[in-house]
Every structure is written in structure tokens, then in C-alpha cells.
Protein backbone atom coordinates (compact mmCIF):
# COMPACT_ATOMS: atom_id res chain seq x y z
CA MET A 1 151.69 144.70 129.58
CA LYS A 2 150.39 145.90 132.93
CA LYS A 3 147.26 144.43 134.45
CA ASN A 4 145.24 147.65 133.99
CA ASP A 5 146.27 147.86 130.34
CA ALA A 6 145.25 144.23 129.77
CA THR A 7 141.90 144.87 131.45
CA ARG A 8 141.25 147.91 129.26
CA LEU A 9 142.19 145.96 126.13
CA ARG A 10 139.87 143.11 127.10
CA ASN A 11 137.02 145.49 127.95
CA GLY A 12 137.45 147.13 124.56
CA GLN A 13 137.32 143.72 122.87
CA ILE A 14 134.14 142.89 124.76
CA ARG A 15 132.49 146.15 123.69
CA ASN A 16 133.46 145.52 120.06
CA ALA A 17 132.34 141.89 119.96
CA LYS A 18 129.78 141.32 117.23
CA ASN A 19 128.08 138.23 118.63
CA PHE A 20 127.93 135.85 121.56
CA ASP A 21 130.54 133.50 120.08
CA GLU A 22 133.06 136.34 119.96
CA LEU A 23 132.28 137.14 123.61
CA LEU A 24 132.93 133.52 124.53
CA ASP A 25 136.21 133.56 122.60
CA ILE A 26 137.33 136.67 124.49
CA GLN A 27 136.25 135.39 127.90
CA TYR A 28 137.13 131.68 127.64
CA GLY A 29 139.35 131.27 124.58
CA LYS A 30 138.75 129.64 121.24
CA ILE A 31 136.87 126.35 120.88
CA GLY A 32 139.22 123.51 121.74
CA THR A 33 141.18 125.30 124.44
CA LYS A 34 141.08 123.86 127.94
CA LYS A 35 139.36 126.89 129.49
CA ARG A 36 136.68 126.96 126.76
CA ASP A 37 136.08 123.20 126.98
CA GLU A 38 135.58 123.48 130.74
CA PHE A 39 133.13 126.34 130.23
CA GLU A 40 131.19 124.42 127.56
CA GLU A 41 130.95 121.35 129.80
CA LYS A 42 129.63 123.40 132.72
CA ALA A 43 127.18 125.13 130.42
CA GLN A 44 125.80 121.78 129.24
CA TYR A 45 125.35 120.59 132.83
CA PHE A 46 123.53 123.84 133.60
CA VAL A 47 121.17 123.37 130.64
CA ILE A 48 120.38 119.79 131.67
CA SER A 49 119.80 120.72 135.31
CA GLU A 50 117.55 123.67 134.47
CA THR A 51 115.60 121.64 131.91
CA LEU A 52 115.07 118.88 134.46
CA LYS A 53 113.82 121.35 137.09
CA ASP A 54 111.51 123.04 134.60
CA GLU A 55 110.02 119.80 133.26
CA ARG A 56 109.60 118.32 136.75
CA ARG A 57 107.73 121.42 137.87
CA LYS A 58 105.55 121.40 134.73
CA ALA A 59 104.65 117.80 135.56
CA ASN A 60 103.71 118.92 139.10
CA LEU A 61 106.09 116.41 140.63
CA THR A 62 108.28 116.82 143.68
CA GLN A 63 111.85 115.60 143.54
CA GLU A 64 110.81 112.68 145.73
CA GLN A 65 107.90 111.73 143.46
CA LEU A 66 110.13 111.81 140.40
CA ALA A 67 112.80 109.78 142.18
CA ASN A 68 110.21 107.14 143.13
CA LYS A 69 108.99 106.92 139.51
CA VAL A 70 112.46 106.21 138.17
CA GLY A 71 113.85 104.15 141.04
CA THR A 72 116.38 106.56 142.46
CA LYS A 73 116.66 108.80 145.51
CA LYS A 74 115.40 112.33 146.04
CA SER A 75 118.93 113.44 146.94
CA TYR A 76 120.17 112.24 143.52
CA ILE A 77 117.50 114.24 141.68
CA SER A 78 118.41 117.25 143.81
CA ARG A 79 122.12 116.89 143.01
CA ILE A 80 121.36 116.69 139.28
CA GLU A 81 119.08 119.74 139.43
CA ASN A 82 121.78 121.66 141.25
CA GLY A 83 124.55 120.58 138.87
CA ARG A 84 126.46 118.78 141.59
CA CYS A 85 126.86 115.34 140.05
CA ASP A 86 127.58 113.57 136.83
CA ILE A 87 124.78 111.60 135.27
CA GLN A 88 124.88 108.53 133.10
CA LEU A 89 123.12 108.81 129.79
CA SER A 90 120.89 105.82 130.61
CA THR A 91 119.79 107.52 133.83
CA LEU A 92 119.12 110.77 132.01
CA TYR A 93 116.89 108.94 129.55
CA ARG A 94 115.09 107.11 132.36
CA ILE A 95 114.40 110.34 134.26
CA PHE A 96 113.08 112.26 131.26
CA GLU A 97 111.32 109.47 129.39
CA ASP A 98 110.00 107.22 132.16
CA GLY A 99 109.70 109.84 134.88
CA LEU A 100 108.50 112.83 132.90
CA GLY A 101 107.14 111.33 129.69
CA LYS A 102 109.52 113.40 127.57
CA ARG A 103 111.57 112.27 124.62
CA ILE A 104 115.30 113.02 124.54
CA SER A 105 117.10 113.82 121.33
CA LEU A 106 120.87 114.21 121.24
CA LEU A 107 122.80 116.27 118.75
CA ILE A 108 126.48 115.55 118.25
CA ALA A 109 128.25 118.31 116.41
């Protein structure tokens, strides 16, 4: 199959997708494939980083103020907010619960 034919087929699949899960399947593969797992991991990091930014701003705290509250550095908070570092679960809890007064709830599916 030529590249243009494959592109047309994929575009047709995208137009005919019935929901977001089908779009993800078309773009990244089925759940459990390497490409889909990588996408899902990046998506989770994005959600955490955006939630952190949003909650920090709602609390009227700078990155430096939040870092001081939880005993870390401003650069670390910045890297988390920009999705450029991994974060330990204990640190995530400390930032949200001690630094922002929020409760974290995890769902394992």
C-alpha cells in the first residue's frame, strides 16, 4: 500500500470514529501496545503537571513559595509543571497535601 493510500485510509477511519477511544486506537494502537502505553504515560504526566499548575495558581503561590512549603527547590516544581521529570509518589503527595492542602486519591484500573 502506498503512503498516500494509507493516509487516506487512516483519515477515513478518523472521520468514522464513533468516540475518543476509537480515535486513540487509530492514532496510537490498541491498549497494551507499546505506542499506546507511551501515549497514556505522557498523558498522565500532562494531567498531573497541569493540575499542579492550576492548584498552585488557585492557592496564589509562586513556584518558589510552594517549593519552600514542601522542602524542595523551585526548579523541581518547575520541571514537574512542565512535564520534564519523574516524580515519586511520596513527593506528589507532599506537594499536593502539605503544600496545597489538597487530598490525592488514586484509581488503579
